[in-house]
């Protein structure tokens, strides 16, 4: 049996456990995102990174004529 079939079979046999695990991981991820946003506010980080690019003469938003 292929690995894909094993994974599908496991999911079907343990659906509730898998769903609970996925909810726990989503909650953990959300908590980590919130902690990182407090530690590194995105507006300050974005402004810092844009300035670094501009100081190097790099246009962070080049026209895309494709």
C-alpha atoms as a PDB file:
ATOM      1  CA  UNK A   1       0.000   0.000   0.000  1.00  0.00           C
ATOM      2  CA  UNK A   2       1.371   3.428  -0.869  1.00  0.00           C
ATOM      3  CA  UNK A   3       2.106   6.088   1.733  1.00  0.00           C
ATOM      4  CA  UNK A   4      -0.750   8.193   0.403  1.00  0.00           C
ATOM      5  CA  UNK A   5      -3.191   5.361   1.025  1.00  0.00           C
ATOM      6  CA  UNK A   6      -1.829   4.900   4.542  1.00  0.00           C
ATOM      7  CA  UNK A   7      -2.265   8.573   5.320  1.00  0.00           C
ATOM      8  CA  UNK A   8      -5.821   8.590   4.001  1.00  0.00           C
ATOM      9  CA  UNK A   9      -6.662   5.429   5.921  1.00  0.00           C
ATOM     10  CA  UNK A  10      -5.199   6.883   9.122  1.00  0.00           C
ATOM     11  CA  UNK A  11      -7.186  10.081   8.684  1.00  0.00           C
ATOM     12  CA  UNK A  12     -10.411   8.190   8.091  1.00  0.00           C
ATOM     13  CA  UNK A  13      -9.828   5.974  11.128  1.00  0.00           C
ATOM     14  CA  UNK A  14      -8.744   8.835  13.413  1.00  0.00           C
ATOM     15  CA  UNK A  15     -10.726  11.758  12.042  1.00  0.00           C
ATOM     16  CA  UNK A  16     -11.633  13.233  15.444  1.00  0.00           C
ATOM     17  CA  UNK A  17      -8.065  13.009  16.741  1.00  0.00           C
ATOM     18  CA  UNK A  18      -6.669  14.589  13.585  1.00  0.00           C
ATOM     19  CA  UNK A  19      -9.204  17.414  13.687  1.00  0.00           C
ATOM     20  CA  UNK A  20      -8.438  18.088  17.366  1.00  0.00           C
ATOM     21  CA  UNK A  21      -4.708  18.154  16.594  1.00  0.00           C
ATOM     22  CA  UNK A  22      -5.285  20.565  13.710  1.00  0.00           C
ATOM     23  CA  UNK A  23      -7.325  22.892  15.958  1.00  0.00           C
ATOM     24  CA  UNK A  24      -4.559  22.817  18.599  1.00  0.00           C
ATOM     25  CA  UNK A  25      -1.916  23.643  16.003  1.00  0.00           C
ATOM     26  CA  UNK A  26      -4.011  26.488  14.588  1.00  0.00           C
ATOM     27  CA  UNK A  27      -4.473  27.950  18.081  1.00  0.00           C
ATOM     28  CA  UNK A  28      -0.750  27.597  18.785  1.00  0.00           C
ATOM     29  CA  UNK A  29       0.087  29.259  15.482  1.00  0.00           C
ATOM     30  CA  UNK A  30      -2.265  32.137  16.221  1.00  0.00           C
ATOM     31  CA  UNK A  31      -0.662  32.639  19.628  1.00  0.00           C
ATOM     32  CA  UNK A  32       2.820  32.671  18.081  1.00  0.00           C
ATOM     33  CA  UNK A  33       1.685  35.167  15.419  1.00  0.00           C
ATOM     34  CA  UNK A  34       0.282  37.458  18.119  1.00  0.00           C
ATOM     35  CA  UNK A  35       3.462  37.220  20.196  1.00  0.00           C
ATOM     36  CA  UNK A  36       5.619  38.004  17.162  1.00  0.00           C
ATOM     37  CA  UNK A  37       3.434  40.967  16.206  1.00  0.00           C
ATOM     38  CA  UNK A  38       3.910  42.383  19.706  1.00  0.00           C
ATOM     39  CA  UNK A  39       7.661  41.784  19.564  1.00  0.00           C
ATOM     40  CA  UNK A  40       8.121  42.962  15.981  1.00  0.00           C
ATOM     41  CA  UNK A  41       5.331  45.309  14.906  1.00  0.00           C
ATOM     42  CA  UNK A  42       4.878  44.853  11.177  1.00  0.00           C
ATOM     43  CA  UNK A  43       4.605  48.556  10.352  1.00  0.00           C
ATOM     44  CA  UNK A  44       7.969  49.302  11.959  1.00  0.00           C
ATOM     45  CA  UNK A  45       9.584  46.254  10.410  1.00  0.00           C
ATOM     46  CA  UNK A  46       8.180  47.067   6.967  1.00  0.00           C
ATOM     47  CA  UNK A  47       9.369  50.679   7.152  1.00  0.00           C
ATOM     48  CA  UNK A  48      12.827  49.517   8.279  1.00  0.00           C
ATOM     49  CA  UNK A  49      13.143  46.996   5.454  1.00  0.00           C
ATOM     50  CA  UNK A  50      11.906  49.446   2.814  1.00  0.00           C
ATOM     51  CA  UNK A  51      14.448  52.025   3.961  1.00  0.00           C
ATOM     52  CA  UNK A  52      17.247  49.450   3.787  1.00  0.00           C
ATOM     53  CA  UNK A  53      16.292  48.635   0.191  1.00  0.00           C
ATOM     54  CA  UNK A  54      16.048  52.283  -0.769  1.00  0.00           C
ATOM     55  CA  UNK A  55      19.415  53.048   0.878  1.00  0.00           C
ATOM     56  CA  UNK A  56      20.927  50.375  -1.392  1.00  0.00           C
ATOM     57  CA  UNK A  57      19.268  51.956  -4.428  1.00  0.00           C
ATOM     58  CA  UNK A  58      16.804  49.095  -4.861  1.00  0.00           C
ATOM     59  CA  UNK A  59      13.273  49.960  -5.933  1.00  0.00           C
ATOM     60  CA  UNK A  60      11.037  47.799  -3.728  1.00  0.00           C
ATOM     61  CA  UNK A  61       8.098  48.275  -6.103  1.00  0.00           C
ATOM     62  CA  UNK A  62       9.459  48.091  -9.650  1.00  0.00           C
ATOM     63  CA  UNK A  63       6.994  48.407 -12.522  1.00  0.00           C
ATOM     64  CA  UNK A  64       6.014  45.005 -13.766  1.00  0.00           C
ATOM     65  CA  UNK A  65       5.376  45.289 -17.511  1.00  0.00           C
ATOM     66  CA  UNK A  66       5.068  41.554 -18.156  1.00  0.00           C
END
